[in-house]
Amino acid sequence: MSSSAKPQTPDRAIGICAPVFSIIGCVFVFLMSGLAASAEPDSLTMKTAMVFISLGIISLVIGIAIFIVVIKRTVRYNAAMRAWEASSKEEAARRAIEEKEEAERAKEEEQRVKVEEQRSKREREARQIERLRKIVRVAVELPVSRMAEALDISEKECWEKVWDWADHYGFQVKNDTLVFGTGRKDDFIAELDQEFAEWNSKSGKI
């Protein structure tokens, strides 16, 4: 919900009219009163003075009426401005809360994505360990390209693992083939079993 429009400032021209009419009325009444005092009763001067005095009184009344209207408009304007300022502050506070909530949701979503990526990564590693366990148990040797395909990793990444395994467990590499029978195959299988058990424990599967 958007905040209401800012109240319009009252027309200053109307406010200027109040003193103008009042001054004109006072001048007419003052001057014509002096003229009427010196004129003969029922004379043209007296009648003219009385007409201008009446006009002066009317002008003065109009000035006072305009002044009252200006006062009322000013009071309404000030009240509307206070309401608008309060509404603007509420709107700003509401937007700040919404922005904070949106930032928190974005942070939670980012955290959720990271957790999901980590979970997917662990599951992928678990599948790789399980496949490697099966391969090592039944195979005497296996081409590195076939092993990379079975583990669903790049051949380059597979070669990095092969060199580590060969160095650590005494396996041999012949013609791009990893030979398991020449090293400590049982130790390798035992370590794979341990890694798989640890993954299951962390995942709450056992």
C-alpha atoms as a PDB file:
ATOM      1  CA  MET A   1       0.000   0.000   0.000  1.00  0.00           C
ATOM      2  CA  SER A   2       1.537   3.305  -1.098  1.00  0.00           C
ATOM      3  CA  SER A   3       1.383   6.474   0.993  1.00  0.00           C
ATOM      4  CA  SER A   4      -1.209   9.167   0.152  1.00  0.00           C
ATOM      5  CA  ALA A   5      -0.296  12.220  -1.921  1.00  0.00           C
ATOM      6  CA  LYS A   6       1.232  15.218  -0.194  1.00  0.00           C
ATOM      7  CA  PRO A   7      -1.402  17.889   0.638  1.00  0.00           C
ATOM      8  CA  GLN A   8      -1.343  20.975  -1.594  1.00  0.00           C
ATOM      9  CA  THR A   9      -0.278  24.273  -0.062  1.00  0.00           C
ATOM     10  CA  PRO A  10      -3.214  26.721   0.331  1.00  0.00           C
ATOM     11  CA  ASP A  11      -3.469  29.484  -2.281  1.00  0.00           C
ATOM     12  CA  ARG A  12      -1.582  32.492  -0.920  1.00  0.00           C
ATOM     13  CA  ALA A  13      -3.494  34.888  -3.141  1.00  0.00           C
ATOM     14  CA  ILE A  14      -6.593  34.346  -1.021  1.00  0.00           C
ATOM     15  CA  GLY A  15      -4.616  35.212   2.100  1.00  0.00           C
ATOM     16  CA  ILE A  16      -3.436  38.471   0.524  1.00  0.00           C
ATOM     17  CA  CYS A  17      -7.025  39.502  -0.199  1.00  0.00           C
ATOM     18  CA  ALA A  18      -7.953  39.568   3.512  1.00  0.00           C
ATOM     19  CA  PRO A  19      -5.696  42.486   4.556  1.00  0.00           C
ATOM     20  CA  VAL A  20      -6.383  44.325   1.283  1.00  0.00           C
ATOM     21  CA  PHE A  21     -10.146  44.315   1.787  1.00  0.00           C
ATOM     22  CA  SER A  22      -9.733  45.137   5.471  1.00  0.00           C
ATOM     23  CA  ILE A  23      -7.425  48.111   4.796  1.00  0.00           C
ATOM     24  CA  ILE A  24      -9.695  49.465   2.053  1.00  0.00           C
ATOM     25  CA  GLY A  25     -12.706  49.146   4.338  1.00  0.00           C
ATOM     26  CA  CYS A  26     -10.950  50.895   7.241  1.00  0.00           C
ATOM     27  CA  VAL A  27      -9.761  53.730   4.963  1.00  0.00           C
ATOM     28  CA  PHE A  28     -13.253  54.263   3.549  1.00  0.00           C
ATOM     29  CA  VAL A  29     -14.866  54.227   6.987  1.00  0.00           C
ATOM     30  CA  PHE A  30     -12.236  56.566   8.484  1.00  0.00           C
ATOM     31  CA  LEU A  31     -12.228  59.124   5.660  1.00  0.00           C
ATOM     32  CA  MET A  32     -15.927  59.099   4.998  1.00  0.00           C
ATOM     33  CA  SER A  33     -16.740  59.354   8.706  1.00  0.00           C
ATOM     34  CA  GLY A  34     -14.798  62.626   8.855  1.00  0.00           C
ATOM     35  CA  LEU A  35     -16.533  63.851   5.714  1.00  0.00           C
ATOM     36  CA  ALA A  36     -19.956  62.885   7.043  1.00  0.00           C
ATOM     37  CA  ALA A  37     -19.303  64.703  10.305  1.00  0.00           C
ATOM     38  CA  SER A  38     -18.739  67.995   8.512  1.00  0.00           C
ATOM     39  CA  ALA A  39     -21.558  67.638   5.981  1.00  0.00           C
ATOM     40  CA  GLU A  40     -25.104  68.924   6.285  1.00  0.00           C
ATOM     41  CA  PRO A  41     -27.792  66.375   7.011  1.00  0.00           C
ATOM     42  CA  ASP A  42     -29.585  65.072   3.910  1.00  0.00           C
ATOM     43  CA  SER A  43     -26.989  66.775   1.692  1.00  0.00           C
ATOM     44  CA  LEU A  44     -25.396  65.044  -1.303  1.00  0.00           C
ATOM     45  CA  THR A  45     -22.079  65.005   0.518  1.00  0.00           C
ATOM     46  CA  MET A  46     -23.665  63.266   3.482  1.00  0.00           C
ATOM     47  CA  LYS A  47     -25.351  60.684   1.249  1.00  0.00           C
ATOM     48  CA  THR A  48     -22.137  60.071  -0.682  1.00  0.00           C
ATOM     49  CA  ALA A  49     -20.181  59.687   2.556  1.00  0.00           C
ATOM     50  CA  MET A  50     -22.731  57.223   3.891  1.00  0.00           C
ATOM     51  CA  VAL A  51     -22.508  55.152   0.694  1.00  0.00           C
ATOM     52  CA  PHE A  52     -18.725  54.950   0.956  1.00  0.00           C
ATOM     53  CA  ILE A  53     -18.931  54.175   4.667  1.00  0.00           C
ATOM     54  CA  SER A  54     -21.290  51.287   3.822  1.00  0.00           C
ATOM     55  CA  LEU A  55     -18.896  50.094   1.140  1.00  0.00           C
ATOM     56  CA  GLY A  56     -16.037  50.350   3.627  1.00  0.00           C
ATOM     57  CA  ILE A  57     -17.935  48.306   6.206  1.00  0.00           C
ATOM     58  CA  ILE A  58     -18.783  45.700   3.549  1.00  0.00           C
ATOM     59  CA  SER A  59     -15.120  45.594   2.471  1.00  0.00           C
ATOM     60  CA  LEU A  60     -14.033  45.207   6.102  1.00  0.00           C
ATOM     61  CA  VAL A  61     -16.542  42.371   6.647  1.00  0.00           C
ATOM     62  CA  ILE A  62     -15.321  40.659   3.460  1.00  0.00           C
ATOM     63  CA  GLY A  63     -11.724  40.977   4.664  1.00  0.00           C
ATOM     64  CA  ILE A  64     -12.611  39.448   8.038  1.00  0.00           C
ATOM     65  CA  ALA A  65     -14.543  36.627   6.339  1.00  0.00           C
ATOM     66  CA  ILE A  66     -11.595  35.902   4.022  1.00  0.00           C
ATOM     67  CA  PHE A  67      -9.268  35.914   7.033  1.00  0.00           C
ATOM     68  CA  ILE A  68     -11.484  33.355   8.804  1.00  0.00           C
ATOM     69  CA  VAL A  69     -11.537  31.171   5.685  1.00  0.00           C
ATOM     70  CA  VAL A  70      -7.738  31.384   5.442  1.00  0.00           C
ATOM     71  CA  ILE A  71      -7.383  30.397   9.101  1.00  0.00           C
ATOM     72  CA  LYS A  72      -9.664  27.383   8.614  1.00  0.00           C
ATOM     73  CA  ARG A  73      -7.797  26.292   5.471  1.00  0.00           C
ATOM     74  CA  THR A  74      -4.462  26.668   7.253  1.00  0.00           C
ATOM     75  CA  VAL A  75      -5.672  24.533  10.161  1.00  0.00           C
ATOM     76  CA  ARG A  76      -6.928  21.841   7.769  1.00  0.00           C
ATOM     77  CA  TYR A  77      -3.674  21.992   5.792  1.00  0.00           C
ATOM     78  CA  ASN A  78      -1.539  21.628   8.927  1.00  0.00           C
ATOM     79  CA  ALA A  79      -3.647  18.659  10.080  1.00  0.00           C
ATOM     80  CA  ALA A  80      -3.374  17.053   6.618  1.00  0.00           C
ATOM     81  CA  MET A  81       0.404  17.610   6.601  1.00  0.00           C
ATOM     82  CA  ARG A  82       0.795  15.961  10.000  1.00  0.00           C
ATOM     83  CA  ALA A  83      -1.290  13.005   8.823  1.00  0.00           C
ATOM     84  CA  TRP A  84       0.737  12.785   5.596  1.00  0.00           C
ATOM     85  CA  GLU A  85       4.058  12.910   7.456  1.00  0.00           C
ATOM     86  CA  ALA A  86       2.883  10.197   9.848  1.00  0.00           C
ATOM     87  CA  SER A  87       1.711   8.082   6.896  1.00  0.00           C
ATOM     88  CA  SER A  88       5.045   8.632   5.110  1.00  0.00           C
ATOM     89  CA  LYS A  89       6.968   7.526   8.190  1.00  0.00           C
ATOM     90  CA  GLU A  90       4.798   4.417   8.494  1.00  0.00           C
ATOM     91  CA  GLU A  91       5.315   3.667   4.801  1.00  0.00           C
ATOM     92  CA  ALA A  92       9.087   4.099   5.135  1.00  0.00           C
ATOM     93  CA  ALA A  93       9.129   1.830   8.193  1.00  0.00           C
ATOM     94  CA  ARG A  94       7.014  -0.764   6.350  1.00  0.00           C
ATOM     95  CA  ARG A  95       9.351  -0.687   3.336  1.00  0.00           C
ATOM     96  CA  ALA A  96      12.368  -1.058   5.631  1.00  0.00           C
ATOM     97  CA  ILE A  97      10.766  -4.109   7.256  1.00  0.00           C
ATOM     98  CA  GLU A  98       9.910  -5.608   3.861  1.00  0.00           C
ATOM     99  CA  GLU A  99      13.466  -5.027   2.594  1.00  0.00           C
ATOM    100  CA  LYS A 100      14.875  -6.636   5.731  1.00  0.00           C
ATOM    101  CA  GLU A 101      12.546  -9.622   5.368  1.00  0.00           C
ATOM    102  CA  GLU A 102      13.450  -9.921   1.681  1.00  0.00           C
ATOM    103  CA  ALA A 103      17.152  -9.847   2.534  1.00  0.00           C
ATOM    104  CA  GLU A 104      16.616 -12.532   5.176  1.00  0.00           C
ATOM    105  CA  ARG A 105      14.677 -14.682   2.701  1.00  0.00           C
ATOM    106  CA  ALA A 106      17.431 -14.245   0.124  1.00  0.00           C
ATOM    107  CA  LYS A 107      20.028 -15.204   2.733  1.00  0.00           C
ATOM    108  CA  GLU A 108      17.998 -18.259   3.759  1.00  0.00           C
ATOM    109  CA  GLU A 109      17.598 -19.272   0.113  1.00  0.00           C
ATOM    110  CA  GLU A 110      21.327 -18.854  -0.475  1.00  0.00           C
ATOM    111  CA  GLN A 111      22.043 -20.980   2.589  1.00  0.00           C
ATOM    112  CA  ARG A 112      19.531 -23.587   1.423  1.00  0.00           C
ATOM    113  CA  VAL A 113      21.188 -23.741  -1.994  1.00  0.00           C
ATOM    114  CA  LYS A 114      24.617 -24.160  -0.391  1.00  0.00           C
ATOM    115  CA  VAL A 115      23.335 -26.954   1.844  1.00  0.00           C
ATOM    116  CA  GLU A 116      21.689 -28.629  -1.138  1.00  0.00           C
ATOM    117  CA  GLU A 117      24.904 -28.355  -3.166  1.00  0.00           C
ATOM    118  CA  GLN A 118      26.915 -29.839  -0.308  1.00  0.00           C
ATOM    119  CA  ARG A 119      24.401 -32.663   0.085  1.00  0.00           C
ATOM    120  CA  SER A 120      24.501 -33.375  -3.657  1.00  0.00           C
ATOM    121  CA  LYS A 121      28.286 -33.334  -3.567  1.00  0.00           C
ATOM    122  CA  ARG A 122      28.366 -35.803  -0.647  1.00  0.00           C
ATOM    123  CA  GLU A 123      25.881 -38.086  -2.374  1.00  0.00           C
ATOM    124  CA  ARG A 124      27.948 -37.982  -5.554  1.00  0.00           C
ATOM    125  CA  GLU A 125      31.092 -38.813  -3.576  1.00  0.00           C
ATOM    126  CA  ALA A 126      29.240 -41.677  -1.871  1.00  0.00           C
ATOM    127  CA  ARG A 127      28.170 -43.096  -5.242  1.00  0.00           C
ATOM    128  CA  GLN A 128      31.752 -42.829  -6.449  1.00  0.00           C
ATOM    129  CA  ILE A 129      33.033 -44.658  -3.369  1.00  0.00           C
ATOM    130  CA  GLU A 130      30.421 -47.407  -3.751  1.00  0.00           C
ATOM    131  CA  ARG A 131      31.206 -47.874  -7.444  1.00  0.00           C
ATOM    132  CA  LEU A 132      34.935 -47.926  -6.735  1.00  0.00           C
ATOM    133  CA  ARG A 133      34.419 -50.554  -4.007  1.00  0.00           C
ATOM    134  CA  LYS A 134      32.617 -52.800  -6.467  1.00  0.00           C
ATOM    135  CA  ILE A 135      35.226 -52.262  -9.162  1.00  0.00           C
ATOM    136  CA  VAL A 136      38.181 -53.015  -6.910  1.00  0.00           C
ATOM    137  CA  ARG A 137      36.515 -56.119  -5.407  1.00  0.00           C
ATOM    138  CA  VAL A 138      35.875 -57.817  -8.752  1.00  0.00           C
ATOM    139  CA  ALA A 139      38.585 -56.418 -11.050  1.00  0.00           C
ATOM    140  CA  VAL A 140      42.282 -57.195 -11.244  1.00  0.00           C
ATOM    141  CA  GLU A 141      42.967 -54.257 -13.535  1.00  0.00           C
ATOM    142  CA  LEU A 142      40.906 -51.568 -15.260  1.00  0.00           C
ATOM    143  CA  PRO A 143      41.639 -48.951 -17.935  1.00  0.00           C
ATOM    144  CA  VAL A 144      41.664 -45.464 -16.465  1.00  0.00           C
ATOM    145  CA  SER A 145      39.178 -44.245 -19.094  1.00  0.00           C
ATOM    146  CA  ARG A 146      36.699 -46.961 -18.066  1.00  0.00           C
ATOM    147  CA  MET A 147      37.206 -46.104 -14.401  1.00  0.00           C
ATOM    148  CA  ALA A 148      36.553 -42.388 -15.075  1.00  0.00           C
ATOM    149  CA  GLU A 149      33.345 -43.312 -16.868  1.00  0.00           C
ATOM    150  CA  ALA A 150      32.239 -45.589 -14.050  1.00  0.00           C
ATOM    151  CA  LEU A 151      32.961 -42.942 -11.405  1.00  0.00           C
ATOM    152  CA  ASP A 152      31.312 -40.203 -13.505  1.00  0.00           C
ATOM    153  CA  ILE A 153      34.353 -37.932 -13.375  1.00  0.00           C
ATOM    154  CA  SER A 154      36.681 -36.509 -15.985  1.00  0.00           C
ATOM    155  CA  GLU A 155      39.591 -38.643 -17.133  1.00  0.00           C
ATOM    156  CA  LYS A 156      41.988 -35.924 -15.973  1.00  0.00           C
ATOM    157  CA  GLU A 157      40.530 -36.015 -12.475  1.00  0.00           C
ATOM    158  CA  CYS A 158      40.608 -39.792 -12.508  1.00  0.00           C
ATOM    159  CA  TRP A 159      44.294 -39.827 -13.447  1.00  0.00           C
ATOM    160  CA  GLU A 160      45.068 -37.582 -10.459  1.00  0.00           C
ATOM    161  CA  LYS A 161      43.382 -40.113  -8.178  1.00  0.00           C
ATOM    162  CA  VAL A 162      45.085 -43.052  -9.908  1.00  0.00           C
ATOM    163  CA  TRP A 163      48.565 -41.635  -9.320  1.00  0.00           C
ATOM    164  CA  ASP A 164      47.727 -41.044  -5.634  1.00  0.00           C
ATOM    165  CA  TRP A 165      46.402 -44.599  -5.243  1.00  0.00           C
ATOM    166  CA  ALA A 166      49.364 -46.096  -7.080  1.00  0.00           C
ATOM    167  CA  ASP A 167      51.812 -44.202  -4.894  1.00  0.00           C
ATOM    168  CA  HIS A 168      50.020 -44.943  -1.621  1.00  0.00           C
ATOM    169  CA  TYR A 169      48.962 -48.578  -2.145  1.00  0.00           C
ATOM    170  CA  GLY A 170      51.679 -49.800  -4.497  1.00  0.00           C
ATOM    171  CA  PHE A 171      49.437 -50.286  -7.554  1.00  0.00           C
ATOM    172  CA  GLN A 172      50.995 -50.248 -11.007  1.00  0.00           C
ATOM    173  CA  VAL A 173      49.941 -48.399 -14.150  1.00  0.00           C
ATOM    174  CA  LYS A 174      50.480 -50.252 -17.445  1.00  0.00           C
ATOM    175  CA  ASN A 175      49.321 -48.963 -20.821  1.00  0.00           C
ATOM    176  CA  ASP A 176      46.816 -46.522 -19.283  1.00  0.00           C
ATOM    177  CA  THR A 177      45.502 -49.316 -17.067  1.00  0.00           C
ATOM    178  CA  LEU A 178      45.503 -49.415 -13.284  1.00  0.00           C
ATOM    179  CA  VAL A 179      46.617 -52.840 -12.009  1.00  0.00           C
ATOM    180  CA  PHE A 180      45.179 -53.626  -8.571  1.00  0.00           C
ATOM    181  CA  GLY A 181      46.770 -57.032  -8.084  1.00  0.00           C
ATOM    182  CA  THR A 182      50.279 -55.633  -7.616  1.00  0.00           C
ATOM    183  CA  GLY A 183      49.553 -53.584  -4.489  1.00  0.00           C
ATOM    184  CA  ARG A 184      47.758 -53.583  -1.157  1.00  0.00           C
ATOM    185  CA  LYS A 185      44.312 -54.139  -2.571  1.00  0.00           C
ATOM    186  CA  ASP A 186      42.814 -55.265   0.758  1.00  0.00           C
ATOM    187  CA  ASP A 187      43.987 -52.084   2.480  1.00  0.00           C
ATOM    188  CA  PHE A 188      42.467 -50.008  -0.320  1.00  0.00           C
ATOM    189  CA  ILE A 189      39.131 -51.807  -0.031  1.00  0.00           C
ATOM    190  CA  ALA A 190      39.183 -51.426   3.761  1.00  0.00           C
ATOM    191  CA  GLU A 191      39.710 -47.689   3.459  1.00  0.00           C
ATOM    192  CA  LEU A 192      36.863 -47.420   0.931  1.00  0.00           C
ATOM    193  CA  ASP A 193      34.612 -49.363   3.312  1.00  0.00           C
ATOM    194  CA  GLN A 194      35.523 -46.979   6.117  1.00  0.00           C
ATOM    195  CA  GLU A 195      34.879 -43.873   4.004  1.00  0.00           C
ATOM    196  CA  PHE A 196      31.495 -45.235   2.902  1.00  0.00           C
ATOM    197  CA  ALA A 197      30.554 -46.080   6.504  1.00  0.00           C
ATOM    198  CA  GLU A 198      31.538 -42.572   7.636  1.00  0.00           C
ATOM    199  CA  TRP A 199      29.409 -41.003   4.889  1.00  0.00           C
ATOM    200  CA  ASN A 200      26.421 -43.131   5.871  1.00  0.00           C
ATOM    201  CA  SER A 201      26.899 -42.152   9.510  1.00  0.00           C
ATOM    202  CA  LYS A 202      26.989 -38.430   8.679  1.00  0.00           C
ATOM    203  CA  SER A 203      23.934 -38.803   6.451  1.00  0.00           C
ATOM    204  CA  GLY A 204      21.989 -40.625   9.152  1.00  0.00           C
ATOM    205  CA  LYS A 205      21.559 -43.760   7.076  1.00  0.00           C
ATOM    206  CA  ILE A 206      22.943 -46.115   9.692  1.00  0.00           C
END
